[in-house]
Amino acid sequence: MAFDDFLKLVWSNDWGEIMGLIAIFMGVFLAFSSDSASITYVGALIVGILFGMRWFSVRKGPRMGWYIIITGFLIGYSIGSLFYASFKLIVITFIAGLVVGFIIKKSMVPAKRR
């Protein structure tokens, strides 16, 4: 994709790609701002919980944009913590957070609204 094509992105059509790019930069910034591996793992868990709760809300609609955003954040977060944290543990804690957040949100919503 050329830079001219990047400038032609339209928010209503390409919101997933735009937010995915922003999520990569946010992930790198968050990972750089934490100095230890344990804080990085806790951050991955918390962000995973937040994404999991959001995932429950959009589970019946179009989800491709959310796949891109979640993957973008995970890639950026892993790049930012490349030198002091394990990629596998970041992915495991992030996915665990996704599952926990989904379960928490599911238990908060009444059965009639599911």
PDB file of N, CA and C in Angstrom:
ATOM      1  N   MET A   1       0.848  -1.169   0.000  1.00  0.00           N
ATOM      2  CA  MET A   1       0.000   0.000   0.000  1.00  0.00           C
ATOM      3  C   MET A   1       0.893   1.231   0.000  1.00  0.00           C
ATOM      4  N   ALA A   2       0.708   2.080  -0.943  1.00  0.00           N
ATOM      5  CA  ALA A   2       1.509   3.293  -1.075  1.00  0.00           C
ATOM      6  C   ALA A   2       1.006   4.344  -0.089  1.00  0.00           C
ATOM      7  N   PHE A   3       1.829   5.343   0.140  1.00  0.00           N
ATOM      8  CA  PHE A   3       1.454   6.397   1.075  1.00  0.00           C
ATOM      9  C   PHE A   3       0.243   7.172   0.571  1.00  0.00           C
ATOM     10  N   ASP A   4       0.118   7.324  -0.753  1.00  0.00           N
ATOM     11  CA  ASP A   4      -1.045   8.020  -1.305  1.00  0.00           C
ATOM     12  C   ASP A   4      -2.329   7.247  -1.019  1.00  0.00           C
ATOM     13  N   ASP A   5      -2.257   5.913  -1.067  1.00  0.00           N
ATOM     14  CA  ASP A   5      -3.421   5.102  -0.735  1.00  0.00           C
ATOM     15  C   ASP A   5      -3.767   5.220   0.738  1.00  0.00           C
ATOM     16  N   PHE A   6      -2.747   5.349   1.580  1.00  0.00           N
ATOM     17  CA  PHE A   6      -2.983   5.499   3.008  1.00  0.00           C
ATOM     18  C   PHE A   6      -3.737   6.795   3.306  1.00  0.00           C
ATOM     19  N   LEU A   7      -3.418   7.843   2.580  1.00  0.00           N
ATOM     20  CA  LEU A   7      -4.095   9.119   2.796  1.00  0.00           C
ATOM     21  C   LEU A   7      -5.549   9.090   2.326  1.00  0.00           C
ATOM     22  N   LYS A   8      -5.910   8.121   1.503  1.00  0.00           N
ATOM     23  CA  LYS A   8      -7.266   8.030   0.980  1.00  0.00           C
ATOM     24  C   LYS A   8      -8.188   7.174   1.849  1.00  0.00           C
ATOM     25  N   LEU A   9      -7.714   6.731   3.023  1.00  0.00           N
ATOM     26  CA  LEU A   9      -8.558   5.934   3.902  1.00  0.00           C
ATOM     27  C   LEU A   9      -9.764   6.746   4.348  1.00  0.00           C
ATOM     28  N   VAL A  10     -10.912   6.112   4.327  1.00  0.00           N
ATOM     29  CA  VAL A  10     -12.153   6.754   4.736  1.00  0.00           C
ATOM     30  C   VAL A  10     -12.590   6.107   6.045  1.00  0.00           C
ATOM     31  N   TRP A  11     -12.878   6.916   7.042  1.00  0.00           N
ATOM     32  CA  TRP A  11     -13.191   6.407   8.373  1.00  0.00           C
ATOM     33  C   TRP A  11     -14.368   5.435   8.350  1.00  0.00           C
ATOM     34  N   SER A  12     -15.426   5.743   7.617  1.00  0.00           N
ATOM     35  CA  SER A  12     -16.609   4.891   7.635  1.00  0.00           C
ATOM     36  C   SER A  12     -16.350   3.524   7.007  1.00  0.00           C
ATOM     37  N   ASN A  13     -15.421   3.428   6.085  1.00  0.00           N
ATOM     38  CA  ASN A  13     -15.122   2.149   5.444  1.00  0.00           C
ATOM     39  C   ASN A  13     -13.928   1.433   6.063  1.00  0.00           C
ATOM     40  N   ASP A  14     -12.946   2.177   6.531  1.00  0.00           N
ATOM     41  CA  ASP A  14     -11.672   1.613   6.957  1.00  0.00           C
ATOM     42  C   ASP A  14     -11.378   1.845   8.435  1.00  0.00           C
ATOM     43  N   TRP A  15     -12.405   1.877   9.271  1.00  0.00           N
ATOM     44  CA  TRP A  15     -12.184   2.185  10.682  1.00  0.00           C
ATOM     45  C   TRP A  15     -11.354   1.100  11.368  1.00  0.00           C
ATOM     46  N   GLY A  16     -11.491  -0.154  10.967  1.00  0.00           N
ATOM     47  CA  GLY A  16     -10.713  -1.220  11.584  1.00  0.00           C
ATOM     48  C   GLY A  16      -9.230  -1.083  11.321  1.00  0.00           C
ATOM     49  N   GLU A  17      -8.883  -0.757  10.090  1.00  0.00           N
ATOM     50  CA  GLU A  17      -7.476  -0.601   9.737  1.00  0.00           C
ATOM     51  C   GLU A  17      -6.868   0.624  10.420  1.00  0.00           C
ATOM     52  N   ILE A  18      -7.619   1.704  10.476  1.00  0.00           N
ATOM     53  CA  ILE A  18      -7.112   2.923  11.121  1.00  0.00           C
ATOM     54  C   ILE A  18      -6.903   2.687  12.608  1.00  0.00           C
ATOM     55  N   MET A  19      -7.894   2.089  13.261  1.00  0.00           N
ATOM     56  CA  MET A  19      -7.769   1.821  14.693  1.00  0.00           C
ATOM     57  C   MET A  19      -6.707   0.750  14.970  1.00  0.00           C
ATOM     58  N   GLY A  20      -6.533  -0.196  14.051  1.00  0.00           N
ATOM     59  CA  GLY A  20      -5.477  -1.191  14.206  1.00  0.00           C
ATOM     60  C   GLY A  20      -4.097  -0.555  14.188  1.00  0.00           C
ATOM     61  N   LEU A  21      -3.898   0.404  13.305  1.00  0.00           N
ATOM     62  CA  LEU A  21      -2.634   1.126  13.249  1.00  0.00           C
ATOM     63  C   LEU A  21      -2.409   1.940  14.527  1.00  0.00           C
ATOM     64  N   ILE A  22      -3.441   2.580  14.993  1.00  0.00           N
ATOM     65  CA  ILE A  22      -3.347   3.320  16.256  1.00  0.00           C
ATOM     66  C   ILE A  22      -3.069   2.368  17.416  1.00  0.00           C
ATOM     67  N   ALA A  23      -3.701   1.188  17.393  1.00  0.00           N
ATOM     68  CA  ALA A  23      -3.498   0.204  18.457  1.00  0.00           C
ATOM     69  C   ALA A  23      -2.058  -0.304  18.483  1.00  0.00           C
ATOM     70  N   ILE A  24      -1.424  -0.434  17.319  1.00  0.00           N
ATOM     71  CA  ILE A  24      -0.019  -0.843  17.294  1.00  0.00           C
ATOM     72  C   ILE A  24       0.837   0.185  18.027  1.00  0.00           C
ATOM     73  N   PHE A  25       0.634   1.453  17.724  1.00  0.00           N
ATOM     74  CA  PHE A  25       1.418   2.497  18.388  1.00  0.00           C
ATOM     75  C   PHE A  25       1.105   2.579  19.881  1.00  0.00           C
ATOM     76  N   MET A  26      -0.149   2.388  20.246  1.00  0.00           N
ATOM     77  CA  MET A  26      -0.511   2.387  21.672  1.00  0.00           C
ATOM     78  C   MET A  26       0.137   1.211  22.395  1.00  0.00           C
ATOM     79  N   GLY A  27       0.156   0.047  21.750  1.00  0.00           N
ATOM     80  CA  GLY A  27       0.788  -1.120  22.355  1.00  0.00           C
ATOM     81  C   GLY A  27       2.277  -0.926  22.569  1.00  0.00           C
ATOM     82  N   VAL A  28       2.952  -0.370  21.575  1.00  0.00           N
ATOM     83  CA  VAL A  28       4.385  -0.097  21.711  1.00  0.00           C
ATOM     84  C   VAL A  28       4.629   0.906  22.830  1.00  0.00           C
ATOM     85  N   PHE A  29       3.821   1.961  22.881  1.00  0.00           N
ATOM     86  CA  PHE A  29       3.987   2.971  23.926  1.00  0.00           C
ATOM     87  C   PHE A  29       3.742   2.385  25.316  1.00  0.00           C
ATOM     88  N   LEU A  30       2.686   1.602  25.477  1.00  0.00           N
ATOM     89  CA  LEU A  30       2.412   1.000  26.786  1.00  0.00           C
ATOM     90  C   LEU A  30       3.515   0.043  27.211  1.00  0.00           C
ATOM     91  N   ALA A  31       4.016  -0.740  26.276  1.00  0.00           N
ATOM     92  CA  ALA A  31       5.074  -1.687  26.619  1.00  0.00           C
ATOM     93  C   ALA A  31       6.380  -0.968  26.950  1.00  0.00           C
ATOM     94  N   PHE A  32       6.689   0.105  26.241  1.00  0.00           N
ATOM     95  CA  PHE A  32       7.900   0.869  26.549  1.00  0.00           C
ATOM     96  C   PHE A  32       7.802   1.569  27.899  1.00  0.00           C
ATOM     97  N   SER A  33       6.608   1.934  28.301  1.00  0.00           N
ATOM     98  CA  SER A  33       6.453   2.665  29.551  1.00  0.00           C
ATOM     99  C   SER A  33       6.556   1.765  30.784  1.00  0.00           C
ATOM    100  N   SER A  34       6.438   0.461  30.615  1.00  0.00           N
ATOM    101  CA  SER A  34       6.622  -0.445  31.754  1.00  0.00           C
ATOM    102  C   SER A  34       8.051  -0.968  31.734  1.00  0.00           C
ATOM    103  N   ASP A  35       8.656  -1.006  32.910  1.00  0.00           N
ATOM    104  CA  ASP A  35      10.075  -1.352  32.985  1.00  0.00           C
ATOM    105  C   ASP A  35      10.330  -2.805  33.356  1.00  0.00           C
ATOM    106  N   SER A  36       9.335  -3.519  33.822  1.00  0.00           N
ATOM    107  CA  SER A  36       9.576  -4.901  34.221  1.00  0.00           C
ATOM    108  C   SER A  36       8.631  -5.848  33.490  1.00  0.00           C
ATOM    109  N   ALA A  37       9.031  -7.090  33.449  1.00  0.00           N
ATOM    110  CA  ALA A  37       8.227  -8.092  32.750  1.00  0.00           C
ATOM    111  C   ALA A  37       6.907  -8.342  33.465  1.00  0.00           C
ATOM    112  N   SER A  38       6.920  -8.318  34.792  1.00  0.00           N
ATOM    113  CA  SER A  38       5.677  -8.592  35.526  1.00  0.00           C
ATOM    114  C   SER A  38       4.625  -7.508  35.274  1.00  0.00           C
ATOM    115  N   ILE A  39       5.050  -6.268  35.191  1.00  0.00           N
ATOM    116  CA  ILE A  39       4.101  -5.193  34.873  1.00  0.00           C
ATOM    117  C   ILE A  39       3.584  -5.358  33.455  1.00  0.00           C
ATOM    118  N   THR A  40       4.423  -5.821  32.555  1.00  0.00           N
ATOM    119  CA  THR A  40       4.000  -6.061  31.172  1.00  0.00           C
ATOM    120  C   THR A  40       2.949  -7.157  31.110  1.00  0.00           C
ATOM    121  N   TYR A  41       3.137  -8.228  31.879  1.00  0.00           N
ATOM    122  CA  TYR A  41       2.162  -9.314  31.882  1.00  0.00           C
ATOM    123  C   TYR A  41       0.837  -8.869  32.500  1.00  0.00           C
ATOM    124  N   VAL A  42       0.905  -8.099  33.570  1.00  0.00           N
ATOM    125  CA  VAL A  42      -0.329  -7.589  34.184  1.00  0.00           C
ATOM    126  C   VAL A  42      -1.042  -6.647  33.219  1.00  0.00           C
ATOM    127  N   GLY A  43      -0.282  -5.814  32.523  1.00  0.00           N
ATOM    128  CA  GLY A  43      -0.882  -4.922  31.526  1.00  0.00           C
ATOM    129  C   GLY A  43      -1.559  -5.693  30.408  1.00  0.00           C
ATOM    130  N   ALA A  44      -0.924  -6.777  29.941  1.00  0.00           N
ATOM    131  CA  ALA A  44      -1.533  -7.611  28.895  1.00  0.00           C
ATOM    132  C   ALA A  44      -2.817  -8.250  29.402  1.00  0.00           C
ATOM    133  N   LEU A  45      -2.837  -8.665  30.657  1.00  0.00           N
ATOM    134  CA  LEU A  45      -4.039  -9.257  31.236  1.00  0.00           C
ATOM    135  C   LEU A  45      -5.170  -8.243  31.328  1.00  0.00           C
ATOM    136  N   ILE A  46      -4.859  -7.046  31.801  1.00  0.00           N
ATOM    137  CA  ILE A  46      -5.891  -6.006  31.952  1.00  0.00           C
ATOM    138  C   ILE A  46      -6.450  -5.585  30.599  1.00  0.00           C
ATOM    139  N   VAL A  47      -5.577  -5.359  29.636  1.00  0.00           N
ATOM    140  CA  VAL A  47      -6.051  -4.971  28.303  1.00  0.00           C
ATOM    141  C   VAL A  47      -6.829  -6.120  27.665  1.00  0.00           C
ATOM    142  N   GLY A  48      -6.408  -7.351  27.904  1.00  0.00           N
ATOM    143  CA  GLY A  48      -7.159  -8.503  27.416  1.00  0.00           C
ATOM    144  C   GLY A  48      -8.557  -8.565  28.014  1.00  0.00           C
ATOM    145  N   ILE A  49      -8.682  -8.268  29.293  1.00  0.00           N
ATOM    146  CA  ILE A  49     -10.007  -8.234  29.923  1.00  0.00           C
ATOM    147  C   ILE A  49     -10.882  -7.153  29.289  1.00  0.00           C
ATOM    148  N   LEU A  50     -10.305  -5.992  29.052  1.00  0.00           N
ATOM    149  CA  LEU A  50     -11.080  -4.910  28.430  1.00  0.00           C
ATOM    150  C   LEU A  50     -11.524  -5.280  27.016  1.00  0.00           C
ATOM    151  N   PHE A  51     -10.612  -5.859  26.228  1.00  0.00           N
ATOM    152  CA  PHE A  51     -10.981  -6.298  24.886  1.00  0.00           C
ATOM    153  C   PHE A  51     -12.014  -7.429  24.933  1.00  0.00           C
ATOM    154  N   GLY A  52     -11.906  -8.322  25.911  1.00  0.00           N
ATOM    155  CA  GLY A  52     -12.874  -9.411  26.042  1.00  0.00           C
ATOM    156  C   GLY A  52     -14.271  -8.901  26.359  1.00  0.00           C
ATOM    157  N   MET A  53     -14.348  -7.890  27.208  1.00  0.00           N
ATOM    158  CA  MET A  53     -15.650  -7.302  27.518  1.00  0.00           C
ATOM    159  C   MET A  53     -16.236  -6.612  26.290  1.00  0.00           C
ATOM    160  N   ARG A  54     -15.405  -5.970  25.523  1.00  0.00           N
ATOM    161  CA  ARG A  54     -15.877  -5.336  24.288  1.00  0.00           C
ATOM    162  C   ARG A  54     -16.267  -6.396  23.252  1.00  0.00           C
ATOM    163  N   TRP A  55     -15.523  -7.488  23.240  1.00  0.00           N
ATOM    164  CA  TRP A  55     -15.804  -8.562  22.296  1.00  0.00           C
ATOM    165  C   TRP A  55     -17.208  -9.128  22.514  1.00  0.00           C
ATOM    166  N   PHE A  56     -17.631  -9.228  23.777  1.00  0.00           N
ATOM    167  CA  PHE A  56     -18.977  -9.723  24.067  1.00  0.00           C
ATOM    168  C   PHE A  56     -20.026  -8.798  23.467  1.00  0.00           C
ATOM    169  N   SER A  57     -19.759  -7.510  23.493  1.00  0.00           N
ATOM    170  CA  SER A  57     -20.729  -6.538  22.980  1.00  0.00           C
ATOM    171  C   SER A  57     -20.863  -6.593  21.459  1.00  0.00           C
ATOM    172  N   VAL A  58     -19.827  -6.952  20.745  1.00  0.00           N
ATOM    173  CA  VAL A  58     -19.859  -6.946  19.277  1.00  0.00           C
ATOM    174  C   VAL A  58     -19.870  -8.351  18.683  1.00  0.00           C
ATOM    175  N   ARG A  59     -20.155  -9.362  19.478  1.00  0.00           N
ATOM    176  CA  ARG A  59     -20.041 -10.740  19.009  1.00  0.00           C
ATOM    177  C   ARG A  59     -21.029 -11.100  17.918  1.00  0.00           C
ATOM    178  N   LYS A  60     -22.140 -10.385  17.793  1.00  0.00           N
ATOM    179  CA  LYS A  60     -23.146 -10.726  16.787  1.00  0.00           C
ATOM    180  C   LYS A  60     -23.061  -9.840  15.546  1.00  0.00           C
ATOM    181  N   GLY A  61     -22.234  -8.832  15.562  1.00  0.00           N
ATOM    182  CA  GLY A  61     -22.104  -7.932  14.423  1.00  0.00           C
ATOM    183  C   GLY A  61     -20.860  -8.251  13.616  1.00  0.00           C
ATOM    184  N   PRO A  62     -20.491  -7.347  12.731  1.00  0.00           N
ATOM    185  CA  PRO A  62     -19.244  -7.544  11.969  1.00  0.00           C
ATOM    186  C   PRO A  62     -18.034  -7.431  12.894  1.00  0.00           C
ATOM    187  N   ARG A  63     -17.141  -8.412  12.796  1.00  0.00           N
ATOM    188  CA  ARG A  63     -16.035  -8.496  13.749  1.00  0.00           C
ATOM    189  C   ARG A  63     -14.657  -8.335  13.139  1.00  0.00           C
ATOM    190  N   MET A  64     -14.538  -8.221  11.852  1.00  0.00           N
ATOM    191  CA  MET A  64     -13.208  -8.182  11.232  1.00  0.00           C
ATOM    192  C   MET A  64     -12.394  -6.981  11.702  1.00  0.00           C
ATOM    193  N   GLY A  65     -13.028  -5.839  11.854  1.00  0.00           N
ATOM    194  CA  GLY A  65     -12.328  -4.660  12.359  1.00  0.00           C
ATOM    195  C   GLY A  65     -11.768  -4.876  13.751  1.00  0.00           C
ATOM    196  N   TRP A  66     -12.523  -5.588  14.585  1.00  0.00           N
ATOM    197  CA  TRP A  66     -12.048  -5.869  15.936  1.00  0.00           C
ATOM    198  C   TRP A  66     -10.917  -6.881  15.930  1.00  0.00           C
ATOM    199  N   TYR A  67     -10.931  -7.847  15.008  1.00  0.00           N
ATOM    200  CA  TYR A  67      -9.786  -8.747  14.860  1.00  0.00           C
ATOM    201  C   TYR A  67      -8.524  -7.941  14.557  1.00  0.00           C
ATOM    202  N   ILE A  68      -8.646  -6.989  13.661  1.00  0.00           N
ATOM    203  CA  ILE A  68      -7.486  -6.183  13.265  1.00  0.00           C
ATOM    204  C   ILE A  68      -6.989  -5.339  14.433  1.00  0.00           C
ATOM    205  N   ILE A  69      -7.905  -4.738  15.185  1.00  0.00           N
ATOM    206  CA  ILE A  69      -7.511  -3.896  16.315  1.00  0.00           C
ATOM    207  C   ILE A  69      -6.827  -4.725  17.391  1.00  0.00           C
ATOM    208  N   ILE A  70      -7.412  -5.863  17.743  1.00  0.00           N
ATOM    209  CA  ILE A  70      -6.834  -6.708  18.789  1.00  0.00           C
ATOM    210  C   ILE A  70      -5.466  -7.238  18.358  1.00  0.00           C
ATOM    211  N   THR A  71      -5.360  -7.699  17.133  1.00  0.00           N
ATOM    212  CA  THR A  71      -4.082  -8.204  16.637  1.00  0.00           C
ATOM    213  C   THR A  71      -3.044  -7.094  16.560  1.00  0.00           C
ATOM    214  N   GLY A  72      -3.461  -5.918  16.128  1.00  0.00           N
ATOM    215  CA  GLY A  72      -2.542  -4.781  16.065  1.00  0.00           C
ATOM    216  C   GLY A  72      -2.003  -4.408  17.430  1.00  0.00           C
ATOM    217  N   PHE A  73      -2.886  -4.383  18.424  1.00  0.00           N
ATOM    218  CA  PHE A  73      -2.417  -4.060  19.769  1.00  0.00           C
ATOM    219  C   PHE A  73      -1.456  -5.126  20.276  1.00  0.00           C
ATOM    220  N   LEU A  74      -1.790  -6.386  20.057  1.00  0.00           N
ATOM    221  CA  LEU A  74      -0.935  -7.462  20.538  1.00  0.00           C
ATOM    222  C   LEU A  74       0.435  -7.429  19.856  1.00  0.00           C
ATOM    223  N   ILE A  75       0.468  -7.139  18.578  1.00  0.00           N
ATOM    224  CA  ILE A  75       1.748  -7.021  17.867  1.00  0.00           C
ATOM    225  C   ILE A  75       2.559  -5.844  18.409  1.00  0.00           C
ATOM    226  N   GLY A  76       1.927  -4.694  18.558  1.00  0.00           N
ATOM    227  CA  GLY A  76       2.628  -3.531  19.082  1.00  0.00           C
ATOM    228  C   GLY A  76       3.122  -3.733  20.501  1.00  0.00           C
ATOM    229  N   TYR A  77       2.298  -4.358  21.327  1.00  0.00           N
ATOM    230  CA  TYR A  77       2.681  -4.620  22.717  1.00  0.00           C
ATOM    231  C   TYR A  77       3.851  -5.595  22.778  1.00  0.00           C
ATOM    232  N   SER A  78       3.839  -6.586  21.909  1.00  0.00           N
ATOM    233  CA  SER A  78       4.937  -7.554  21.876  1.00  0.00           C
ATOM    234  C   SER A  78       6.226  -6.919  21.367  1.00  0.00           C
ATOM    235  N   ILE A  79       6.130  -6.055  20.381  1.00  0.00           N
ATOM    236  CA  ILE A  79       7.320  -5.356  19.878  1.00  0.00           C
ATOM    237  C   ILE A  79       7.901  -4.449  20.957  1.00  0.00           C
ATOM    238  N   GLY A  80       7.048  -3.761  21.673  1.00  0.00           N
ATOM    239  CA  GLY A  80       7.532  -2.855  22.707  1.00  0.00           C
ATOM    240  C   GLY A  80       8.186  -3.563  23.873  1.00  0.00           C
ATOM    241  N   SER A  81       7.791  -4.789  24.157  1.00  0.00           N
ATOM    242  CA  SER A  81       8.362  -5.524  25.284  1.00  0.00           C
ATOM    243  C   SER A  81       9.296  -6.633  24.826  1.00  0.00           C
ATOM    244  N   LEU A  82       9.840  -6.504  23.656  1.00  0.00           N
ATOM    245  CA  LEU A  82      10.654  -7.541  23.037  1.00  0.00           C
ATOM    246  C   LEU A  82      11.902  -7.887  23.838  1.00  0.00           C
ATOM    247  N   PHE A  83      12.497  -6.921  24.523  1.00  0.00           N
ATOM    248  CA  PHE A  83      13.794  -7.134  25.148  1.00  0.00           C
ATOM    249  C   PHE A  83      13.723  -7.663  26.575  1.00  0.00           C
ATOM    250  N   TYR A  84      12.564  -7.592  27.221  1.00  0.00           N
ATOM    251  CA  TYR A  84      12.539  -8.004  28.620  1.00  0.00           C
ATOM    252  C   TYR A  84      11.362  -8.895  28.990  1.00  0.00           C
ATOM    253  N   ALA A  85      10.531  -9.277  28.066  1.00  0.00           N
ATOM    254  CA  ALA A  85       9.397 -10.140  28.381  1.00  0.00           C
ATOM    255  C   ALA A  85       9.271 -11.226  27.322  1.00  0.00           C
ATOM    256  N   SER A  86       8.653 -12.320  27.707  1.00  0.00           N
ATOM    257  CA  SER A  86       8.465 -13.452  26.805  1.00  0.00           C
ATOM    258  C   SER A  86       7.214 -13.243  25.947  1.00  0.00           C
ATOM    259  N   PHE A  87       7.373 -13.418  24.639  1.00  0.00           N
ATOM    260  CA  PHE A  87       6.254 -13.261  23.718  1.00  0.00           C
ATOM    261  C   PHE A  87       5.146 -14.267  24.032  1.00  0.00           C
ATOM    262  N   LYS A  88       5.536 -15.497  24.330  1.00  0.00           N
ATOM    263  CA  LYS A  88       4.543 -16.532  24.617  1.00  0.00           C
ATOM    264  C   LYS A  88       3.717 -16.191  25.857  1.00  0.00           C
ATOM    265  N   LEU A  89       4.369 -15.707  26.898  1.00  0.00           N
ATOM    266  CA  LEU A  89       3.628 -15.354  28.113  1.00  0.00           C
ATOM    267  C   LEU A  89       2.715 -14.149  27.891  1.00  0.00           C
ATOM    268  N   ILE A  90       3.149 -13.221  27.079  1.00  0.00           N
ATOM    269  CA  ILE A  90       2.283 -12.075  26.762  1.00  0.00           C
ATOM    270  C   ILE A  90       1.031 -12.544  26.039  1.00  0.00           C
ATOM    271  N   VAL A  91       1.198 -13.410  25.061  1.00  0.00           N
ATOM    272  CA  VAL A  91       0.043 -13.915  24.302  1.00  0.00           C
ATOM    273  C   VAL A  91      -0.868 -14.737  25.207  1.00  0.00           C
ATOM    274  N   ILE A  92      -0.300 -15.585  26.064  1.00  0.00           N
ATOM    275  CA  ILE A  92      -1.109 -16.407  26.964  1.00  0.00           C
ATOM    276  C   ILE A  92      -1.900 -15.544  27.937  1.00  0.00           C
ATOM    277  N   THR A  93      -1.254 -14.548  28.553  1.00  0.00           N
ATOM    278  CA  THR A  93      -1.975 -13.699  29.494  1.00  0.00           C
ATOM    279  C   THR A  93      -3.010 -12.830  28.785  1.00  0.00           C
ATOM    280  N   PHE A  94      -2.713 -12.402  27.584  1.00  0.00           N
ATOM    281  CA  PHE A  94      -3.675 -11.604  26.818  1.00  0.00           C
ATOM    282  C   PHE A  94      -4.912 -12.434  26.475  1.00  0.00           C
ATOM    283  N   ILE A  95      -4.706 -13.655  26.004  1.00  0.00           N
ATOM    284  CA  ILE A  95      -5.839 -14.523  25.663  1.00  0.00           C
ATOM    285  C   ILE A  95      -6.614 -14.907  26.918  1.00  0.00           C
ATOM    286  N   ALA A  96      -5.917 -15.149  28.022  1.00  0.00           N
ATOM    287  CA  ALA A  96      -6.608 -15.428  29.277  1.00  0.00           C
ATOM    288  C   ALA A  96      -7.465 -14.225  29.681  1.00  0.00           C
ATOM    289  N   GLY A  97      -6.944 -13.037  29.495  1.00  0.00           N
ATOM    290  CA  GLY A  97      -7.717 -11.834  29.782  1.00  0.00           C
ATOM    291  C   GLY A  97      -8.932 -11.707  28.878  1.00  0.00           C
ATOM    292  N   LEU A  98      -8.784 -12.049  27.601  1.00  0.00           N
ATOM    293  CA  LEU A  98      -9.928 -12.029  26.684  1.00  0.00           C
ATOM    294  C   LEU A  98     -11.034 -12.949  27.176  1.00  0.00           C
ATOM    295  N   VAL A  99     -10.659 -14.153  27.577  1.00  0.00           N
ATOM    296  CA  VAL A  99     -11.650 -15.128  28.042  1.00  0.00           C
ATOM    297  C   VAL A  99     -12.306 -14.657  29.335  1.00  0.00           C
ATOM    298  N   VAL A 100     -11.506 -14.174  30.270  1.00  0.00           N
ATOM    299  CA  VAL A 100     -12.050 -13.696  31.546  1.00  0.00           C
ATOM    300  C   VAL A 100     -12.968 -12.496  31.330  1.00  0.00           C
ATOM    301  N   GLY A 101     -12.565 -11.566  30.487  1.00  0.00           N
ATOM    302  CA  GLY A 101     -13.404 -10.399  30.205  1.00  0.00           C
ATOM    303  C   GLY A 101     -14.714 -10.787  29.548  1.00  0.00           C
ATOM    304  N   PHE A 102     -14.670 -11.752  28.632  1.00  0.00           N
ATOM    305  CA  PHE A 102     -15.892 -12.232  27.975  1.00  0.00           C
ATOM    306  C   PHE A 102     -16.831 -12.865  29.006  1.00  0.00           C
ATOM    307  N   ILE A 103     -16.281 -13.678  29.902  1.00  0.00           N
ATOM    308  CA  ILE A 103     -17.098 -14.340  30.923  1.00  0.00           C
ATOM    309  C   ILE A 103     -17.673 -13.316  31.896  1.00  0.00           C
ATOM    310  N   ILE A 104     -16.878 -12.335  32.289  1.00  0.00           N
ATOM    311  CA  ILE A 104     -17.371 -11.296  33.204  1.00  0.00           C
ATOM    312  C   ILE A 104     -18.522 -10.538  32.572  1.00  0.00           C
ATOM    313  N   LYS A 105     -18.349 -10.120  31.342  1.00  0.00           N
ATOM    314  CA  LYS A 105     -19.408  -9.368  30.657  1.00  0.00           C
ATOM    315  C   LYS A 105     -20.651 -10.231  30.446  1.00  0.00           C
ATOM    316  N   LYS A 106     -20.450 -11.504  30.143  1.00  0.00           N
ATOM    317  CA  LYS A 106     -21.578 -12.417  29.939  1.00  0.00           C
ATOM    318  C   LYS A 106     -22.371 -12.591  31.232  1.00  0.00           C
ATOM    319  N   SER A 107     -21.682 -12.633  32.365  1.00  0.00           N
ATOM    320  CA  SER A 107     -22.384 -12.784  33.640  1.00  0.00           C
ATOM    321  C   SER A 107     -23.084 -11.504  34.069  1.00  0.00           C
ATOM    322  N   MET A 108     -22.666 -10.350  33.530  1.00  0.00           N
ATOM    323  CA  MET A 108     -23.296  -9.078  33.887  1.00  0.00           C
ATOM    324  C   MET A 108     -24.559  -8.801  33.091  1.00  0.00           C
ATOM    325  N   VAL A 109     -24.692  -9.395  31.906  1.00  0.00           N
ATOM    326  CA  VAL A 109     -25.833  -9.129  31.035  1.00  0.00           C
ATOM    327  C   VAL A 109     -26.945 -10.135  31.351  1.00  0.00           C
ATOM    328  N   PRO A 110     -28.178  -9.660  31.540  1.00  0.00           N
ATOM    329  CA  PRO A 110     -29.273 -10.606  31.793  1.00  0.00           C
ATOM    330  C   PRO A 110     -29.483 -11.552  30.626  1.00  0.00           C
ATOM    331  N   ALA A 111     -30.030 -12.738  30.908  1.00  0.00           N
ATOM    332  CA  ALA A 111     -30.191 -13.776  29.887  1.00  0.00           C
ATOM    333  C   ALA A 111     -31.100 -13.336  28.748  1.00  0.00           C
ATOM    334  N   LYS A 112     -32.066 -12.462  29.004  1.00  0.00           N
ATOM    335  CA  LYS A 112     -32.984 -12.020  27.966  1.00  0.00           C
ATOM    336  C   LYS A 112     -32.299 -11.145  26.924  1.00  0.00           C
ATOM    337  N   ARG A 113     -31.252 -10.443  27.310  1.00  0.00           N
ATOM    338  CA  ARG A 113     -30.565  -9.533  26.387  1.00  0.00           C
ATOM    339  C   ARG A 113     -29.455 -10.210  25.601  1.00  0.00           C
ATOM    340  N   ARG A 114     -29.143 -11.461  25.913  1.00  0.00           N
ATOM    341  CA  ARG A 114     -28.065 -12.173  25.208  1.00  0.00           C
ATOM    342  C   ARG A 114     -28.572 -12.571  23.893  1.00  0.00           C
TER     343      ARG A 114
END
